Amino acid sequence: MSTMHDMLARAPVASVPDINVTGELIRVMLSLGAIVALIFAAAWLTRRLQSRQFGGGRRLRCIESMPVSTRERVLLIEADGKRLLVGVGAGGVRALHVYEGTVPVETTPAPAPLPPFAELLSRLGRKS
């Protein structure tokens, strides 16, 4: 009778392939770099194609939009220096009002200047 040890000794040994960890890591990193480069190239190409589509700049832009109901909204559109109030709904698009004259320049108020850092620190120290 043969023992279990003899049977295991006669069994074929599975060969384990030698794996070059450094080579595999370099291959994975190069593949990842190529994918990231393709993403950036696609973004660049998309921007180039969009800029050609609107040759010379946009003459029409939506300034503001406000929903009136679930299916209707009011848009303030600027076109060639004029502003139009437009209603959009299930029945189509309708010009509600055309503002005459030049487009008013929207000015944003200047933010209040911040006090010096030393003053902020002294205020913080007093509160404690």
C-alpha atoms as a PDB file:
ATOM      1  CA  MET A   1       0.000   0.000   0.000  1.00  0.00           C
ATOM      2  CA  SER A   2       1.177   3.401  -0.802  1.00  0.00           C
ATOM      3  CA  THR A   3       0.887   6.132   1.665  1.00  0.00           C
ATOM      4  CA  MET A   4      -0.609   9.518   1.135  1.00  0.00           C
ATOM      5  CA  HIS A   5       2.864  11.017   1.113  1.00  0.00           C
ATOM      6  CA  ASP A   6       3.897   8.832  -1.823  1.00  0.00           C
ATOM      7  CA  MET A   7       0.796   9.819  -3.786  1.00  0.00           C
ATOM      8  CA  LEU A   8       1.490  13.499  -3.254  1.00  0.00           C
ATOM      9  CA  ALA A   9       5.098  13.061  -4.296  1.00  0.00           C
ATOM     10  CA  ARG A  10       4.017  11.535  -7.627  1.00  0.00           C
ATOM     11  CA  ALA A  11       1.387  14.206  -8.360  1.00  0.00           C
ATOM     12  CA  PRO A  12       2.380  16.777 -10.979  1.00  0.00           C
ATOM     13  CA  VAL A  13       3.390  20.121  -9.543  1.00  0.00           C
ATOM     14  CA  ALA A  14       1.608  23.134 -11.013  1.00  0.00           C
ATOM     15  CA  SER A  15       4.083  25.605 -12.344  1.00  0.00           C
ATOM     16  CA  VAL A  16       3.640  29.158 -11.073  1.00  0.00           C
ATOM     17  CA  PRO A  17       4.620  31.718 -13.675  1.00  0.00           C
ATOM     18  CA  ASP A  18       7.204  34.244 -12.628  1.00  0.00           C
ATOM     19  CA  ILE A  19       5.524  37.650 -12.419  1.00  0.00           C
ATOM     20  CA  ASN A  20       7.616  40.730 -12.945  1.00  0.00           C
ATOM     21  CA  VAL A  21       5.880  43.076 -10.514  1.00  0.00           C
ATOM     22  CA  THR A  22       7.860  46.133 -11.577  1.00  0.00           C
ATOM     23  CA  GLY A  23       7.137  45.538 -15.253  1.00  0.00           C
ATOM     24  CA  GLU A  24       3.426  45.053 -14.610  1.00  0.00           C
ATOM     25  CA  LEU A  25       3.292  48.218 -12.483  1.00  0.00           C
ATOM     26  CA  ILE A  26       4.981  50.217 -15.240  1.00  0.00           C
ATOM     27  CA  ARG A  27       2.561  48.797 -17.813  1.00  0.00           C
ATOM     28  CA  VAL A  28      -0.469  49.722 -15.691  1.00  0.00           C
ATOM     29  CA  MET A  29       0.856  53.249 -15.039  1.00  0.00           C
ATOM     30  CA  LEU A  30       1.538  53.813 -18.754  1.00  0.00           C
ATOM     31  CA  SER A  31      -1.970  52.605 -19.617  1.00  0.00           C
ATOM     32  CA  LEU A  32      -3.481  54.938 -17.019  1.00  0.00           C
ATOM     33  CA  GLY A  33      -1.421  57.855 -18.364  1.00  0.00           C
ATOM     34  CA  ALA A  34      -2.595  57.103 -21.907  1.00  0.00           C
ATOM     35  CA  ILE A  35      -6.245  57.087 -20.803  1.00  0.00           C
ATOM     36  CA  VAL A  36      -5.866  60.418 -18.978  1.00  0.00           C
ATOM     37  CA  ALA A  37      -4.126  61.894 -22.039  1.00  0.00           C
ATOM     38  CA  LEU A  38      -7.033  60.723 -24.239  1.00  0.00           C
ATOM     39  CA  ILE A  39      -9.526  62.409 -21.904  1.00  0.00           C
ATOM     40  CA  PHE A  40      -7.634  65.723 -22.085  1.00  0.00           C
ATOM     41  CA  ALA A  41      -7.296  65.423 -25.867  1.00  0.00           C
ATOM     42  CA  ALA A  42     -11.043  64.821 -26.213  1.00  0.00           C
ATOM     43  CA  ALA A  43     -11.812  67.864 -24.034  1.00  0.00           C
ATOM     44  CA  TRP A  44      -9.453  70.041 -26.075  1.00  0.00           C
ATOM     45  CA  LEU A  45     -10.957  68.822 -29.348  1.00  0.00           C
ATOM     46  CA  THR A  46     -14.490  69.459 -28.071  1.00  0.00           C
ATOM     47  CA  ARG A  47     -13.622  73.048 -27.155  1.00  0.00           C
ATOM     48  CA  ARG A  48     -12.007  73.643 -30.543  1.00  0.00           C
ATOM     49  CA  LEU A  49     -15.054  72.341 -32.383  1.00  0.00           C
ATOM     50  CA  GLN A  50     -17.461  74.386 -30.256  1.00  0.00           C
ATOM     51  CA  SER A  51     -15.497  77.598 -30.820  1.00  0.00           C
ATOM     52  CA  ARG A  52     -15.623  77.071 -34.590  1.00  0.00           C
ATOM     53  CA  GLN A  53     -19.347  76.465 -34.454  1.00  0.00           C
ATOM     54  CA  PHE A  54     -20.016  79.933 -33.019  1.00  0.00           C
ATOM     55  CA  GLY A  55     -17.697  81.823 -35.352  1.00  0.00           C
ATOM     56  CA  GLY A  56     -16.864  85.276 -34.018  1.00  0.00           C
ATOM     57  CA  GLY A  57     -18.655  85.110 -30.707  1.00  0.00           C
ATOM     58  CA  ARG A  58     -22.205  84.668 -29.579  1.00  0.00           C
ATOM     59  CA  ARG A  59     -24.776  87.310 -30.401  1.00  0.00           C
ATOM     60  CA  LEU A  60     -27.572  85.655 -28.454  1.00  0.00           C
ATOM     61  CA  ARG A  61     -27.538  84.739 -24.774  1.00  0.00           C
ATOM     62  CA  CYS A  62     -30.050  83.991 -22.046  1.00  0.00           C
ATOM     63  CA  ILE A  63     -29.658  86.515 -19.235  1.00  0.00           C
ATOM     64  CA  GLU A  64     -32.176  85.013 -16.849  1.00  0.00           C
ATOM     65  CA  SER A  65     -34.857  82.352 -16.739  1.00  0.00           C
ATOM     66  CA  MET A  66     -37.810  82.019 -14.371  1.00  0.00           C
ATOM     67  CA  PRO A  67     -40.403  79.223 -14.310  1.00  0.00           C
ATOM     68  CA  VAL A  68     -43.990  80.458 -14.222  1.00  0.00           C
ATOM     69  CA  SER A  69     -45.594  77.019 -13.974  1.00  0.00           C
ATOM     70  CA  THR A  70     -44.542  73.425 -14.557  1.00  0.00           C
ATOM     71  CA  ARG A  71     -44.644  73.823 -18.342  1.00  0.00           C
ATOM     72  CA  GLU A  72     -44.133  77.544 -18.865  1.00  0.00           C
ATOM     73  CA  ARG A  73     -41.286  79.915 -18.205  1.00  0.00           C
ATOM     74  CA  VAL A  74     -40.189  83.455 -18.913  1.00  0.00           C
ATOM     75  CA  LEU A  75     -36.773  84.159 -20.415  1.00  0.00           C
ATOM     76  CA  LEU A  76     -34.839  87.409 -20.586  1.00  0.00           C
ATOM     77  CA  ILE A  77     -32.725  87.174 -23.741  1.00  0.00           C
ATOM     78  CA  GLU A  78     -30.089  89.544 -25.066  1.00  0.00           C
ATOM     79  CA  ALA A  79     -29.763  89.663 -28.859  1.00  0.00           C
ATOM     80  CA  ASP A  80     -27.570  92.150 -30.736  1.00  0.00           C
ATOM     81  CA  GLY A  81     -27.588  94.614 -27.856  1.00  0.00           C
ATOM     82  CA  LYS A  82     -31.358  94.489 -27.240  1.00  0.00           C
ATOM     83  CA  ARG A  83     -33.157  92.643 -24.506  1.00  0.00           C
ATOM     84  CA  LEU A  84     -36.300  90.629 -25.132  1.00  0.00           C
ATOM     85  CA  LEU A  85     -38.721  89.163 -22.620  1.00  0.00           C
ATOM     86  CA  VAL A  86     -39.914  85.857 -24.065  1.00  0.00           C
ATOM     87  CA  GLY A  87     -42.590  83.452 -22.850  1.00  0.00           C
ATOM     88  CA  VAL A  88     -42.023  79.757 -23.530  1.00  0.00           C
ATOM     89  CA  GLY A  89     -44.785  77.200 -23.049  1.00  0.00           C
ATOM     90  CA  ALA A  90     -46.643  74.285 -24.560  1.00  0.00           C
ATOM     91  CA  GLY A  91     -48.180  76.605 -27.174  1.00  0.00           C
ATOM     92  CA  GLY A  92     -44.770  77.780 -28.412  1.00  0.00           C
ATOM     93  CA  VAL A  93     -42.590  80.849 -27.939  1.00  0.00           C
ATOM     94  CA  ARG A  94     -43.966  84.379 -27.780  1.00  0.00           C
ATOM     95  CA  ALA A  95     -42.153  87.720 -27.451  1.00  0.00           C
ATOM     96  CA  LEU A  96     -43.722  89.506 -24.486  1.00  0.00           C
ATOM     97  CA  HIS A  97     -41.706  92.722 -24.535  1.00  0.00           C
ATOM     98  CA  VAL A  98     -38.744  94.244 -26.379  1.00  0.00           C
ATOM     99  CA  TYR A  99     -36.706  96.671 -24.322  1.00  0.00           C
ATOM    100  CA  GLU A 100     -35.675  99.681 -26.414  1.00  0.00           C
ATOM    101  CA  GLY A 101     -32.404 101.534 -26.034  1.00  0.00           C
ATOM    102  CA  THR A 102     -29.051 100.266 -24.960  1.00  0.00           C
ATOM    103  CA  VAL A 103     -28.496  97.450 -22.546  1.00  0.00           C
ATOM    104  CA  PRO A 104     -27.892  98.789 -19.043  1.00  0.00           C
ATOM    105  CA  VAL A 105     -24.499  98.043 -17.643  1.00  0.00           C
ATOM    106  CA  GLU A 106     -24.883  95.849 -14.608  1.00  0.00           C
ATOM    107  CA  THR A 107     -22.628  97.037 -11.837  1.00  0.00           C
ATOM    108  CA  THR A 108     -21.916  94.979  -8.806  1.00  0.00           C
ATOM    109  CA  PRO A 109     -21.289  96.859  -5.586  1.00  0.00           C
ATOM    110  CA  ALA A 110     -17.737  96.694  -4.353  1.00  0.00           C
ATOM    111  CA  PRO A 111     -17.361  94.457  -1.305  1.00  0.00           C
ATOM    112  CA  ALA A 112     -16.629  96.197   1.969  1.00  0.00           C
ATOM    113  CA  PRO A 113     -12.907  96.192   2.694  1.00  0.00           C
ATOM    114  CA  LEU A 114     -11.794  93.706   5.315  1.00  0.00           C
ATOM    115  CA  PRO A 115     -10.129  95.068   8.441  1.00  0.00           C
ATOM    116  CA  PRO A 116      -6.439  94.322   8.892  1.00  0.00           C
ATOM    117  CA  PHE A 117      -5.545  90.855  10.113  1.00  0.00           C
ATOM    118  CA  ALA A 118      -4.164  92.195  13.413  1.00  0.00           C
ATOM    119  CA  GLU A 119      -7.529  93.808  14.203  1.00  0.00           C
ATOM    120  CA  LEU A 120      -9.359  90.538  13.476  1.00  0.00           C
ATOM    121  CA  LEU A 121      -6.985  88.714  15.807  1.00  0.00           C
ATOM    122  CA  SER A 122      -7.495  91.240  18.583  1.00  0.00           C
ATOM    123  CA  ARG A 123     -11.314  90.917  18.246  1.00  0.00           C
ATOM    124  CA  LEU A 124     -11.015  87.157  18.451  1.00  0.00           C
ATOM    125  CA  GLY A 125      -8.848  87.454  21.567  1.00  0.00           C
ATOM    126  CA  ARG A 126     -11.372  89.733  23.303  1.00  0.00           C
ATOM    127  CA  LYS A 127     -14.286  87.345  22.730  1.00  0.00           C
ATOM    128  CA  SER A 128     -12.537  84.496  24.534  1.00  0.00           C
END
